[in-house]
């Protein structure tokens, strides 16, 4: 109850500030995140890379056989439904928003490469995957694994502070655990609200392409936000397995259908060659990118690194308590090896294909097609996907499909987030309807504040605010998880040795 009494008014206060003074809130958020990045960018980079190494060690080592639940327990959801739910909750609307725009932006401005060159095009896809691939899903996966382990192996709750209470010594731990819960709630609310704002921006630009409405009109933004609230109200009062499972499965099927159509209608051979080449470039550059801080380059390169790589990693951290709780909640019965493969490896492979198709098509048009993609993305990143779809058959149908996808991905994310926020603030596994609806309204208010902030960079700065303190919480979570794994392994070996001695 304490978490609810602190976090709900705090988030509501940020929303009111953003609605009353959006420019002031955006400027303050930019100053805070900029100061944190300037001082500790090296530490954050090491931490995120360390999470990926830790995940690989757990999956490939002796702990990989440990099951999240009883040793004979079966998974609650089928593997396709499980993958659809975790992927839709984790990145759905972002893939639509940045699928074309981000590779084109890096093609035009990533440091160390001549803008518009073929070398820049290859690097653009590789660095995009660095932002969306193994590192991103390691952040999600390791947060989720810690929560799932303490919930299913120790019989605890999904609270981010539960593992700290269970494993860490010291009188400071209860206070730190409560602070971890509150920090997680704030990070979730701000991160998801940022996605709401980006989704509304993209939907509004889609309407501009389809029916030539005003792409800047606030009343259209408000109408789209209101429509979103109305549509996610019904799933909020339904059980998780009915509301989110159905939406996730349907939307992932539609997303895959759109991707396959673009692959077949576009330069298919070029895009498939791009898929193979991009996968190789990404794996080849993975180590160097994981430790690249642009220490000796010009200031513009460091600014690019902070504005893209660090901002992305903190965006994933801000989403990690939400996506982590949600993934943990649906992952009972899976082994640690299966869990890490499903949460980190499979979504990354899908991301490689997604960006090879959408981003590769945009780069193809710029290098060998009609051109104008760079100028289009410079003008407005929100419109990139819709204008690219104008260059293939059935553009009206495809743009309408993309809008439906973006809208349903938003609904799925908000429903999942409201469920998790209700869990964390009420300390219950299945929050009541009032709690979920209350958080749904707060997320709408925060989304409105970020829409009023007016631009993507301001939204991104606001979205990662909660991630800065939660990064410290993640360190404590990993320490608690490793202590628990070591203790439980020692207890299992001791019990097995005693059983042998009785034989």
Protein backbone atom coordinates (compact mmCIF):
# COMPACT_ATOMS: atom_id res chain seq x y z
CA UNK A 1 0.00 0.00 0.00
CA UNK A 2 2.91 2.35 0.71
CA UNK A 3 4.15 1.91 -2.86
CA UNK A 4 0.71 2.85 -4.19
CA UNK A 5 0.39 5.91 -1.94
CA UNK A 6 3.78 7.22 -3.06
CA UNK A 7 4.03 6.19 -6.71
CA UNK A 8 0.53 7.01 -7.92
CA UNK A 9 0.55 10.67 -6.75
CA UNK A 10 4.16 11.05 -7.96
CA UNK A 11 3.31 9.86 -11.47
CA UNK A 12 0.13 11.93 -11.50
CA UNK A 13 2.17 14.98 -10.40
CA UNK A 14 4.62 14.51 -13.28
CA UNK A 15 1.67 14.24 -15.65
CA UNK A 16 0.11 17.45 -14.35
CA UNK A 17 3.45 19.27 -14.60
CA UNK A 18 3.85 18.05 -18.19
CA UNK A 19 0.36 19.15 -19.16
CA UNK A 20 0.76 22.57 -17.49
CA UNK A 21 4.35 23.25 -18.59
CA UNK A 22 5.51 20.68 -21.18
CA UNK A 23 8.55 22.70 -22.24
CA UNK A 24 9.73 23.10 -18.65
CA UNK A 25 9.38 19.40 -17.87
CA UNK A 26 11.15 18.41 -21.10
CA UNK A 27 14.04 20.82 -20.40
CA UNK A 28 14.46 19.51 -16.85
CA UNK A 29 14.39 15.88 -18.05
CA UNK A 30 17.03 16.64 -20.67
CA UNK A 31 19.33 18.22 -18.06
CA UNK A 32 19.01 15.29 -15.65
CA UNK A 33 19.61 12.59 -18.25
CA UNK A 34 22.43 14.57 -19.85
CA UNK A 35 24.25 14.94 -16.51
CA UNK A 36 23.89 11.22 -15.76
CA UNK A 37 25.15 10.24 -19.20
CA UNK A 38 28.13 12.60 -19.06
CA UNK A 39 29.28 11.28 -15.69
CA UNK A 40 28.58 7.55 -15.91
CA UNK A 41 28.30 6.51 -19.56
CA UNK A 42 31.25 4.12 -19.17
CA UNK A 43 29.64 2.40 -16.18
CA UNK A 44 26.25 2.01 -17.86
CA UNK A 45 27.87 0.50 -20.96
CA UNK A 46 29.83 -2.00 -18.90
CA UNK A 47 26.72 -2.93 -16.92
CA UNK A 48 24.51 -3.63 -19.92
CA UNK A 49 27.24 -5.65 -21.64
CA UNK A 50 27.82 -7.51 -18.38
CA UNK A 51 24.14 -8.51 -18.30
CA UNK A 52 24.49 -10.13 -21.72
CA UNK A 53 27.61 -12.04 -20.61
CA UNK A 54 25.83 -13.16 -17.44
CA UNK A 55 22.83 -14.39 -19.43
CA UNK A 56 25.06 -16.45 -21.73
CA UNK A 57 26.91 -17.94 -18.73
CA UNK A 58 23.67 -18.98 -17.04
CA UNK A 59 22.17 -20.45 -20.21
CA UNK A 60 25.24 -22.47 -21.18
CA UNK A 61 26.32 -23.46 -17.67
CA UNK A 62 25.05 -25.89 -15.08
CA UNK A 63 22.28 -23.56 -13.93
CA UNK A 64 20.61 -23.78 -17.34
CA UNK A 65 18.78 -26.97 -16.31
CA UNK A 66 17.05 -25.31 -13.35
CA UNK A 67 13.30 -25.09 -13.90
CA UNK A 68 11.32 -22.00 -12.87
CA UNK A 69 8.86 -23.90 -10.71
CA UNK A 70 8.62 -27.51 -9.64
CA UNK A 71 11.02 -29.91 -11.35
CA UNK A 72 8.11 -31.66 -13.09
CA UNK A 73 6.08 -28.55 -13.93
CA UNK A 74 4.97 -27.84 -17.51
CA UNK A 75 4.87 -24.33 -19.04
CA UNK A 76 1.61 -22.45 -18.53
CA UNK A 77 1.43 -21.14 -22.12
CA UNK A 78 2.36 -22.72 -25.44
CA UNK A 79 5.67 -21.56 -26.87
CA UNK A 80 4.13 -19.53 -29.77
CA UNK A 81 1.73 -17.72 -27.40
CA UNK A 82 4.53 -17.16 -24.90
CA UNK A 83 6.83 -15.64 -27.52
CA UNK A 84 4.03 -13.49 -28.97
CA UNK A 85 3.07 -12.05 -25.58
CA UNK A 86 6.62 -11.23 -24.47
CA UNK A 87 7.56 -9.71 -27.84
CA UNK A 88 4.39 -7.62 -28.21
CA UNK A 89 4.74 -6.27 -24.69
CA UNK A 90 8.47 -5.62 -25.09
CA UNK A 91 8.95 -3.83 -28.38
CA UNK A 92 5.92 -3.98 -30.66
CA UNK A 93 5.14 -0.33 -31.35
CA UNK A 94 8.82 0.64 -31.34
CA UNK A 95 9.61 -1.71 -34.20
CA UNK A 96 6.90 -0.09 -36.30
CA UNK A 97 8.04 3.42 -35.40
CA UNK A 98 11.77 2.94 -35.97
CA UNK A 99 11.84 0.04 -38.48
CA UNK A 100 12.46 2.35 -41.45
CA UNK A 101 13.53 5.55 -39.72
CA UNK A 102 16.45 4.46 -37.55
CA UNK A 103 18.62 2.69 -40.18
CA UNK A 104 18.09 5.63 -42.54
CA UNK A 105 19.08 8.13 -39.84
CA UNK A 106 22.28 6.20 -39.07
CA UNK A 107 22.95 5.90 -42.81
CA UNK A 108 22.84 9.69 -42.90
CA UNK A 109 24.74 10.50 -39.72
CA UNK A 110 26.45 7.70 -37.75
CA UNK A 111 29.96 8.82 -36.70
CA UNK A 112 32.97 7.37 -38.51
CA UNK A 113 31.23 6.80 -41.85
CA UNK A 114 30.65 8.99 -44.90
CA UNK A 115 26.92 9.84 -44.98
CA UNK A 116 25.15 8.15 -47.88
CA UNK A 117 27.92 5.65 -48.61
CA UNK A 118 27.45 1.91 -48.98
CA UNK A 119 29.69 1.33 -45.96
CA UNK A 120 27.41 3.64 -43.96
CA UNK A 121 24.40 1.58 -45.09
CA UNK A 122 25.92 -1.68 -43.79
CA UNK A 123 26.93 -0.09 -40.52
CA UNK A 124 23.51 1.55 -40.14
CA UNK A 125 21.74 -1.80 -40.00
CA UNK A 126 24.37 -3.32 -37.69
CA UNK A 127 24.21 -0.47 -35.17
CA UNK A 128 20.42 -0.48 -35.28
CA UNK A 129 20.47 -4.14 -34.28
CA UNK A 130 22.97 -3.32 -31.54
CA UNK A 131 20.29 -1.07 -30.07
CA UNK A 132 17.44 -3.58 -30.51
CA UNK A 133 19.12 -6.97 -30.24
CA UNK A 134 20.98 -9.00 -27.63
CA UNK A 135 21.71 -6.13 -25.23
CA UNK A 136 18.12 -4.92 -25.14
CA UNK A 137 16.69 -8.36 -24.53
CA UNK A 138 19.39 -9.18 -21.97
CA UNK A 139 18.14 -6.22 -19.94
CA UNK A 140 14.59 -7.57 -20.14
CA UNK A 141 15.57 -11.18 -19.73
CA UNK A 142 17.80 -10.89 -16.67
CA UNK A 143 15.31 -8.67 -14.86
CA UNK A 144 12.57 -11.18 -15.66
CA UNK A 145 14.70 -14.15 -14.65
CA UNK A 146 15.41 -12.72 -11.20
CA UNK A 147 11.71 -12.04 -10.64
CA UNK A 148 10.64 -15.46 -11.94
CA UNK A 149 13.22 -17.32 -9.85
CA UNK A 150 12.20 -15.80 -6.55
CA UNK A 151 8.50 -16.11 -7.38
CA UNK A 152 8.47 -19.70 -8.65
CA UNK A 153 11.43 -21.32 -6.86
CA UNK A 154 11.17 -19.51 -3.54
CA UNK A 155 7.42 -18.91 -3.43
CA UNK A 156 7.83 -15.14 -3.22
CA UNK A 157 6.14 -12.31 -5.08
CA UNK A 158 6.91 -10.57 -8.36
CA UNK A 159 7.94 -7.39 -6.57
CA UNK A 160 11.36 -6.12 -7.73
CA UNK A 161 12.38 -5.85 -4.09
CA UNK A 162 11.36 -9.40 -3.15
CA UNK A 163 14.70 -10.95 -4.09
CA UNK A 164 16.56 -8.29 -2.17
CA UNK A 165 14.60 -9.08 0.99
CA UNK A 166 15.14 -12.80 0.53
CA UNK A 167 18.89 -12.88 -0.12
CA UNK A 168 20.72 -9.71 0.87
CA UNK A 169 21.89 -9.18 4.45
CA UNK A 170 21.73 -5.94 6.41
CA UNK A 171 19.24 -3.64 8.09
CA UNK A 172 19.22 -1.41 5.02
CA UNK A 173 17.62 -4.11 2.85
CA UNK A 174 13.90 -3.57 3.71
CA UNK A 175 14.16 0.13 2.91
CA UNK A 176 16.07 -0.61 -0.29
CA UNK A 177 13.48 -3.20 -1.31
CA UNK A 178 10.62 -0.73 -0.85
CA UNK A 179 12.56 1.92 -2.77
CA UNK A 180 13.14 -0.64 -5.54
CA UNK A 181 9.40 -1.24 -5.84
CA UNK A 182 8.60 2.47 -6.03
CA UNK A 183 11.42 3.12 -8.49
CA UNK A 184 10.17 0.30 -10.70
CA UNK A 185 6.65 1.72 -10.76
CA UNK A 186 7.86 5.19 -11.77
CA UNK A 187 10.19 3.75 -14.44
CA UNK A 188 7.37 1.68 -15.92
CA UNK A 189 4.90 4.57 -15.99
CA UNK A 190 7.32 6.99 -17.67
CA UNK A 191 8.65 4.42 -20.15
CA UNK A 192 5.24 3.22 -21.29
CA UNK A 193 3.91 6.79 -21.48
CA UNK A 194 6.75 7.57 -23.89
CA UNK A 195 5.64 4.74 -26.14
CA UNK A 196 2.07 6.02 -25.99
CA UNK A 197 3.24 9.43 -27.17
CA UNK A 198 5.35 7.94 -29.99
CA UNK A 199 2.45 5.74 -31.04
CA UNK A 200 0.06 8.67 -31.18
CA UNK A 201 2.58 10.68 -33.23
CA UNK A 202 2.85 7.80 -35.70
CA UNK A 203 -0.90 7.27 -35.92
CA UNK A 204 -1.44 10.97 -36.56
CA UNK A 205 1.12 10.95 -39.39
CA UNK A 206 -0.56 7.85 -40.77
CA UNK A 207 -3.86 9.69 -40.94
CA UNK A 208 -2.08 12.52 -42.75
CA UNK A 209 -0.83 10.07 -45.41
CA UNK A 210 -4.18 8.30 -45.74
CA UNK A 211 -6.70 11.14 -45.60
CA UNK A 212 -4.53 14.30 -45.44
CA UNK A 213 -5.49 15.43 -41.95
CA UNK A 214 -3.36 18.02 -40.15
CA UNK A 215 -0.27 16.15 -38.83
CA UNK A 216 0.32 18.76 -36.11
CA UNK A 217 -3.24 19.34 -34.83
CA UNK A 218 -3.48 18.79 -31.07
CA UNK A 219 -7.16 17.95 -31.26
CA UNK A 220 -6.35 14.95 -33.49
CA UNK A 221 -3.68 13.83 -31.01
CA UNK A 222 -6.23 14.14 -28.23
CA UNK A 223 -8.85 12.21 -30.19
CA UNK A 224 -6.40 9.39 -30.88
CA UNK A 225 -5.39 9.25 -27.22
CA UNK A 226 -9.05 9.17 -26.15
CA UNK A 227 -9.76 6.36 -28.64
CA UNK A 228 -6.79 4.45 -27.22
CA UNK A 229 -8.11 4.83 -23.67
CA UNK A 230 -11.55 3.60 -24.70
CA UNK A 231 -10.08 0.57 -26.47
CA UNK A 232 -7.79 -0.55 -23.67
CA UNK A 233 -10.50 -0.13 -21.02
CA UNK A 234 -12.17 -3.45 -21.95
CA UNK A 235 -9.03 -5.63 -21.82
CA UNK A 236 -8.17 -4.06 -18.46
CA UNK A 237 -11.22 -5.67 -16.88
CA UNK A 238 -10.55 -9.07 -18.49
CA UNK A 239 -8.22 -11.79 -17.17
CA UNK A 240 -4.63 -11.63 -18.42
CA UNK A 241 -4.77 -14.86 -20.40
CA UNK A 242 -7.87 -13.72 -22.32
CA UNK A 243 -7.13 -10.03 -22.84
CA UNK A 244 -3.41 -9.86 -23.61
CA UNK A 245 -2.94 -13.35 -25.07
CA UNK A 246 -5.56 -12.83 -27.79
CA UNK A 247 -4.37 -9.33 -28.68
CA UNK A 248 -0.70 -10.41 -28.78
CA UNK A 249 -1.27 -13.45 -30.97
CA UNK A 250 -3.46 -11.54 -33.43
CA UNK A 251 -1.10 -8.60 -33.69
CA UNK A 252 2.06 -10.65 -34.12
CA UNK A 253 0.37 -12.59 -36.92
CA UNK A 254 -0.55 -9.30 -38.61
CA UNK A 255 2.97 -7.88 -38.12
CA UNK A 256 4.55 -10.97 -39.68
CA UNK A 257 2.09 -10.80 -42.59
CA UNK A 258 3.01 -7.13 -43.23
CA UNK A 259 6.72 -7.92 -43.09
CA UNK A 260 6.38 -10.87 -45.48
CA UNK A 261 4.31 -8.83 -47.94
CA UNK A 262 6.94 -6.08 -47.98
CA UNK A 263 9.65 -8.71 -48.43
CA UNK A 264 7.88 -10.28 -51.41
CA UNK A 265 6.61 -7.04 -52.97
CA UNK A 266 9.94 -5.27 -52.61
CA UNK A 267 13.42 -6.19 -53.87
CA UNK A 268 13.27 -9.69 -52.35
CA UNK A 269 16.74 -10.92 -53.28
CA UNK A 270 18.34 -7.67 -52.08
CA UNK A 271 16.47 -7.80 -48.76
CA UNK A 272 17.39 -11.45 -48.11
CA UNK A 273 21.02 -10.75 -48.93
CA UNK A 274 20.74 -7.83 -46.54
CA UNK A 275 19.37 -10.15 -43.86
CA UNK A 276 22.34 -12.50 -44.12
CA UNK A 277 24.88 -9.66 -44.40
CA UNK A 278 23.35 -7.72 -41.53
CA UNK A 279 23.36 -10.76 -39.25
CA UNK A 280 27.04 -11.30 -40.01
CA UNK A 281 27.93 -7.62 -39.56
CA UNK A 282 26.06 -7.47 -36.28
CA UNK A 283 27.82 -10.53 -34.86
CA UNK A 284 31.18 -9.32 -36.16
CA UNK A 285 30.83 -5.83 -34.68
CA UNK A 286 29.08 -6.92 -31.47
CA UNK A 287 32.18 -6.89 -29.24
CA UNK A 288 33.58 -3.59 -30.52
CA UNK A 289 30.19 -1.88 -30.32
CA UNK A 290 29.72 -3.17 -26.76
CA UNK A 291 32.75 -1.19 -25.58
CA UNK A 292 32.63 1.80 -27.96
CA UNK A 293 32.35 5.08 -26.02
CA UNK A 294 33.86 7.42 -28.66
CA UNK A 295 36.46 8.57 -26.14
CA UNK A 296 38.88 9.98 -28.70
CA UNK A 297 36.41 11.16 -31.31
CA UNK A 298 34.91 14.62 -31.73
CA UNK A 299 32.19 15.84 -29.39
CA UNK A 300 29.52 15.21 -32.02
CA UNK A 301 30.28 11.48 -31.89
CA UNK A 302 29.88 11.41 -28.12
CA UNK A 303 26.59 13.27 -28.52
CA UNK A 304 25.41 10.70 -31.04
CA UNK A 305 26.37 7.88 -28.65
CA UNK A 306 24.44 9.42 -25.78
CA UNK A 307 21.46 10.40 -27.90
CA UNK A 308 21.13 6.96 -29.44
CA UNK A 309 22.91 4.06 -27.70
CA UNK A 310 22.66 5.20 -24.08
CA UNK A 311 19.15 6.53 -24.53
CA UNK A 312 18.05 3.21 -26.00
CA UNK A 313 19.66 1.18 -23.23
CA UNK A 314 18.00 3.34 -20.60
CA UNK A 315 14.71 3.07 -22.42
CA UNK A 316 14.97 -0.71 -22.15
CA UNK A 317 15.90 -0.37 -18.47
CA UNK A 318 12.84 1.82 -17.89
CA UNK A 319 10.68 -0.86 -19.50
CA UNK A 320 12.49 -3.76 -17.80
CA UNK A 321 10.49 -3.83 -14.54
CA UNK A 322 7.26 -3.87 -16.57
CA UNK A 323 8.37 -6.32 -19.24
CA UNK A 324 10.33 -8.28 -16.64
CA UNK A 325 7.33 -8.79 -14.38
CA UNK A 326 5.13 -9.60 -17.36
CA UNK A 327 7.60 -12.12 -18.85
CA UNK A 328 8.14 -13.68 -15.42
CA UNK A 329 4.40 -13.94 -14.90
CA UNK A 330 3.95 -15.97 -18.12
CA UNK A 331 7.13 -18.11 -17.88
CA UNK A 332 6.39 -20.58 -15.11
CA UNK A 333 7.61 -24.09 -15.88
CA UNK A 334 10.45 -23.19 -18.25
CA UNK A 335 14.11 -23.98 -17.60
CA UNK A 336 16.62 -21.15 -17.31
CA UNK A 337 18.22 -22.25 -20.58
CA UNK A 338 14.87 -22.32 -22.38
CA UNK A 339 13.90 -19.01 -20.79
CA UNK A 340 17.05 -17.19 -21.89
CA UNK A 341 16.91 -18.65 -25.40
CA UNK A 342 13.26 -17.63 -25.77
CA UNK A 343 13.62 -14.17 -24.25
CA UNK A 344 16.98 -13.11 -25.75
CA UNK A 345 17.83 -15.23 -28.80
CA UNK A 346 14.47 -15.61 -30.59
CA UNK A 347 13.40 -11.91 -30.44
CA UNK A 348 16.86 -10.85 -31.62
CA UNK A 349 16.66 -13.11 -34.68
CA UNK A 350 13.23 -11.69 -35.46
CA UNK A 351 14.60 -8.14 -35.06
CA UNK A 352 17.39 -8.90 -37.56
CA UNK A 353 14.79 -9.96 -40.13
CA UNK A 354 12.47 -7.03 -39.34
CA UNK A 355 15.13 -4.34 -39.78
CA UNK A 356 16.63 -6.11 -42.79
CA UNK A 357 13.22 -5.88 -44.48
CA UNK A 358 11.95 -2.46 -43.36
CA UNK A 359 15.25 -0.67 -42.91
CA UNK A 360 16.82 -2.48 -45.85
CA UNK A 361 13.94 -1.42 -48.11
CA UNK A 362 14.40 2.19 -47.06
CA UNK A 363 18.14 2.02 -47.78
CA UNK A 364 17.49 0.33 -51.14
CA UNK A 365 15.13 3.13 -52.15
CA UNK A 366 17.75 5.71 -51.20
CA UNK A 367 20.67 3.99 -52.93
CA UNK A 368 19.04 2.38 -55.97
CA UNK A 369 15.40 3.47 -56.10
CA UNK A 370 13.51 6.73 -56.24
CA UNK A 371 15.48 8.33 -53.39
CA UNK A 372 14.17 10.98 -51.05
CA UNK A 373 14.02 8.69 -48.01
CA UNK A 374 16.67 10.58 -46.07
CA UNK A 375 14.90 13.89 -46.60
CA UNK A 376 11.61 12.30 -45.59
CA UNK A 377 13.05 10.97 -42.32
CA UNK A 378 14.84 14.23 -41.58
CA UNK A 379 11.50 16.00 -41.96
CA UNK A 380 9.58 13.69 -39.64
CA UNK A 381 10.63 10.26 -38.36
CA UNK A 382 7.00 9.47 -37.52
CA UNK A 383 6.01 9.44 -41.18
CA UNK A 384 8.81 7.21 -42.49
CA UNK A 385 6.96 3.89 -42.51
CA UNK A 386 3.80 5.23 -44.13
CA UNK A 387 5.54 7.05 -46.95
CA UNK A 388 7.70 4.02 -47.72
CA UNK A 389 4.59 1.84 -47.97
CA UNK A 390 3.34 4.24 -50.65
CA UNK A 391 6.03 2.77 -52.95
CA UNK A 392 4.65 -0.80 -53.05
CA UNK A 393 1.34 -2.22 -54.35
CA UNK A 394 -1.85 -1.63 -52.33
CA UNK A 395 -0.44 1.33 -50.34
CA UNK A 396 -3.80 2.27 -48.83
CA UNK A 397 -4.39 -1.21 -47.47
CA UNK A 398 -0.83 -1.46 -46.14
CA UNK A 399 -0.91 1.92 -44.43
CA UNK A 400 -4.24 1.06 -42.83
CA UNK A 401 -2.76 -2.27 -41.68
CA UNK A 402 0.26 -0.48 -40.21
CA UNK A 403 -2.04 1.86 -38.30
CA UNK A 404 -4.05 -1.05 -36.91
CA UNK A 405 -0.79 -2.73 -35.88
CA UNK A 406 0.51 0.38 -34.13
CA UNK A 407 -2.80 0.90 -32.36
CA UNK A 408 -3.17 -2.69 -31.15
CA UNK A 409 0.49 -2.84 -30.07
CA UNK A 410 -0.21 0.25 -27.98
CA UNK A 411 -3.32 -1.30 -26.47
CA UNK A 412 -1.40 -4.48 -25.63
CA UNK A 413 1.46 -2.53 -24.02
CA UNK A 414 -0.83 -0.34 -21.93
CA UNK A 415 -2.97 -3.28 -20.78
CA UNK A 416 0.14 -5.25 -19.81
CA UNK A 417 1.68 -2.23 -18.08
CA UNK A 418 -1.49 -1.41 -16.12
CA UNK A 419 -1.65 -5.05 -14.99
CA UNK A 420 1.97 -4.96 -13.80
CA UNK A 421 1.57 -1.57 -12.14
CA UNK A 422 -1.46 -2.91 -10.30
CA UNK A 423 0.60 -5.90 -9.16
CA UNK A 424 3.51 -3.81 -7.94
CA UNK A 425 1.49 -1.12 -6.22
CA UNK A 426 -1.00 -3.51 -4.56
CA UNK A 427 1.48 -6.33 -3.77
CA UNK A 428 -0.86 -8.95 -5.30
CA UNK A 429 -0.41 -11.38 -8.20
CA UNK A 430 -3.80 -10.56 -9.74
CA UNK A 431 -4.71 -6.90 -9.17
CA UNK A 432 -8.36 -5.88 -9.04
CA UNK A 433 -10.08 -3.97 -11.81
CA UNK A 434 -10.07 -0.64 -10.01
CA UNK A 435 -6.29 -0.71 -9.61
CA UNK A 436 -5.71 -1.55 -13.28
CA UNK A 437 -8.15 1.09 -14.49
CA UNK A 438 -6.60 3.73 -12.21
CA UNK A 439 -3.16 3.04 -13.65
CA UNK A 440 -4.60 3.02 -17.15
CA UNK A 441 -5.85 6.57 -16.58
CA UNK A 442 -2.50 7.70 -15.11
CA UNK A 443 -0.67 6.30 -18.14
CA UNK A 444 -3.05 8.23 -20.39
CA UNK A 445 -2.30 11.46 -18.50
CA UNK A 446 1.44 10.87 -18.71
CA UNK A 447 1.08 10.13 -22.41
CA UNK A 448 -0.79 13.39 -22.86
CA UNK A 449 2.01 15.27 -21.09
CA UNK A 450 4.60 13.78 -23.42
CA UNK A 451 2.49 14.49 -26.49
CA UNK A 452 2.37 18.13 -25.42
CA UNK A 453 6.18 18.11 -25.07
CA UNK A 454 6.05 18.13 -28.84
CA UNK A 455 9.05 16.23 -30.20
CA UNK A 456 10.61 12.78 -30.13
CA UNK A 457 13.82 13.82 -28.34
CA UNK A 458 11.86 15.35 -25.46
CA UNK A 459 9.74 12.21 -25.21
CA UNK A 460 12.84 10.03 -25.08
CA UNK A 461 14.42 12.14 -22.34
CA UNK A 462 11.26 11.98 -20.26
CA UNK A 463 10.88 8.24 -20.81
CA UNK A 464 14.30 7.31 -19.44
CA UNK A 465 14.13 9.38 -16.25
CA UNK A 466 12.93 6.49 -14.13
CA UNK A 467 15.59 4.16 -15.54
CA UNK A 468 18.49 6.08 -13.99
CA UNK A 469 17.77 4.96 -10.40
CA UNK A 470 16.40 1.57 -11.48
CA UNK A 471 19.78 0.64 -12.98
CA UNK A 472 21.10 0.46 -9.39
CA UNK A 473 18.16 -1.76 -8.43
CA UNK A 474 19.11 -4.17 -11.23
CA UNK A 475 22.61 -4.54 -9.78
CA UNK A 476 21.13 -5.61 -6.45
CA UNK A 477 18.74 -7.98 -8.22
CA UNK A 478 21.58 -9.77 -10.00
CA UNK A 479 23.58 -10.10 -6.78
CA UNK A 480 20.53 -11.60 -5.05
CA UNK A 481 19.90 -14.00 -7.96
CA UNK A 482 23.46 -15.30 -8.00
CA UNK A 483 23.44 -15.78 -4.23
CA UNK A 484 20.15 -17.69 -4.45
CA UNK A 485 21.40 -19.94 -7.27
CA UNK A 486 24.57 -20.76 -5.33
CA UNK A 487 22.66 -21.49 -2.11
CA UNK A 488 20.02 -23.64 -3.79
CA UNK A 489 22.64 -25.60 -5.71
CA UNK A 490 24.57 -26.31 -2.50
CA UNK A 491 21.37 -27.40 -0.76
CA UNK A 492 20.44 -29.69 -3.65
CA UNK A 493 23.89 -31.32 -3.68
CA UNK A 494 23.77 -31.80 0.09
CA UNK A 495 20.32 -33.41 -0.12
CA UNK A 496 21.46 -35.72 -2.90
CA UNK A 497 24.52 -36.74 -0.90
CA UNK A 498 22.37 -37.52 2.12
CA UNK A 499 20.03 -39.59 -0.02
CA UNK A 500 22.98 -41.61 -1.34
CA UNK A 501 24.28 -42.20 2.18
CA UNK A 502 20.93 -43.78 3.15
CA UNK A 503 21.03 -46.23 0.25
